[in-house]
Amino acid sequence: MDRPAANFSGYRSADAANRLTAVEASSILSQLSAAIRLGDRAECRKSVARVRDLATGNDRNRRRLASAGAAVVLSTAFHAFSGVAAGPFDILSEILSALVLVFELKDEEVFWGIGAPESMDSIVSILKSRDSSAMLDALLVLKEIVSFDRDLARAAAMIDGLIEALVNLIKDPISPRATKLSLFVTFHLVASAEEWTAARFAGMGMISLILETIVDSGTEKRMSELALSAFERLCGFEQGREKAYDNALTVPVLVRGMIGISDLATDLAVSSLWKLYKSWEGEGGCVVIEALEFGAFLKLLMLLQVDCREGVREKATELMKFLNGRGEGLGCVDSRDFRGLNRPL
């Protein structure tokens, strides 16, 4: 027996169990598009709620809506209402909550709306709202924006207040997931933008916050990897390195991260130390002594005894030579430390 057609014009209460057809999906999105053109906020909210309710907990409906272009329509809606003076928080947050369910990365048109300056300003406002659910949705959308295209990430870094909002989300976290997303976005912004972006993050205390996050996360794999990824990128810039040199947690955190978390964490910890020591121009031996005291030399020795990526092996070997050359002069390296080394330096 055929299923009765849904009466979308009346916006009956959405049932997430409904099996949405392609025609029905197109009808909902057509009504949403019409509401956007008319600037009809009430009708727009009804259509957005319909999309969200049908996509929630029903993967078939979600795919149907995504295939019908829901992400593009919702992105257009977000951009349209972001252009309104004092963009309405309620509808913007509702649009984001629906958008995160139907995002289609392959559709560049999605980013024309959601990545526009007006839309990004609204995303920053939501990140500062302290509405934890809306903030998480904003971070999820921001994650897609900055990872989709380098130019979009570079443009995002220039949006007033975004860097400050990310720093505050790590300083005053709302959830572990939000912290991970903030670190992910930070990584892409630093990787894609100019040196001034790293300088802004460093100047706002991001190096210290990242190190504290790693300490607090213990050996939690994903959090450590994301934090080390952002830290390693910041160490590629002078301002980031300066803050790292000044922080007492830098060496012990990186030495600890070399072994016992994951292969990626090992790569990032070694690369961070390598960047710091390669650019170090200090005449004193305190930094070298600190690294040796926390067991950096022996951990590097251990890394060379196991299979690891060639790039990591090269950096580890170079770091050992650096520590050995300066450590011997300071009386910190004993030749007996080399006993059992199977591969020559």
Foldseek 3Di string as FASTA:
>chain_A
DDDDDDDPVVLPPADLPDQDDLVNLLVLLVQLLVCLVVVPLVSNLSSLVNLLSNLPPHVNSLASNLVSPVLLSLLQSLQSQLPDVVRDLVSNLSSLSNNLSRDDLVDPSSCVRCLDLSNLLSLLVQLPPPPVSSVLSSLSVLLSQLVSDLVSLQVSLPRPRPLVSLQVCLVPPPDPSSVLSSLSSLLSNLVRYDLVSLLVNLVVPVLVSLLVQLVVCPLAQSSLLSSLSNLLSSLVHPSSLVSLVVDPSNLLSLLVQLDDRDLSSVQSSLSSVLSNLVPDDDPDCPVLLSNLVNPNLLSLLVVQVDDHDPVSVVSSVVVNVSSVVVCVVVVRDDPCSCPPRPDDD
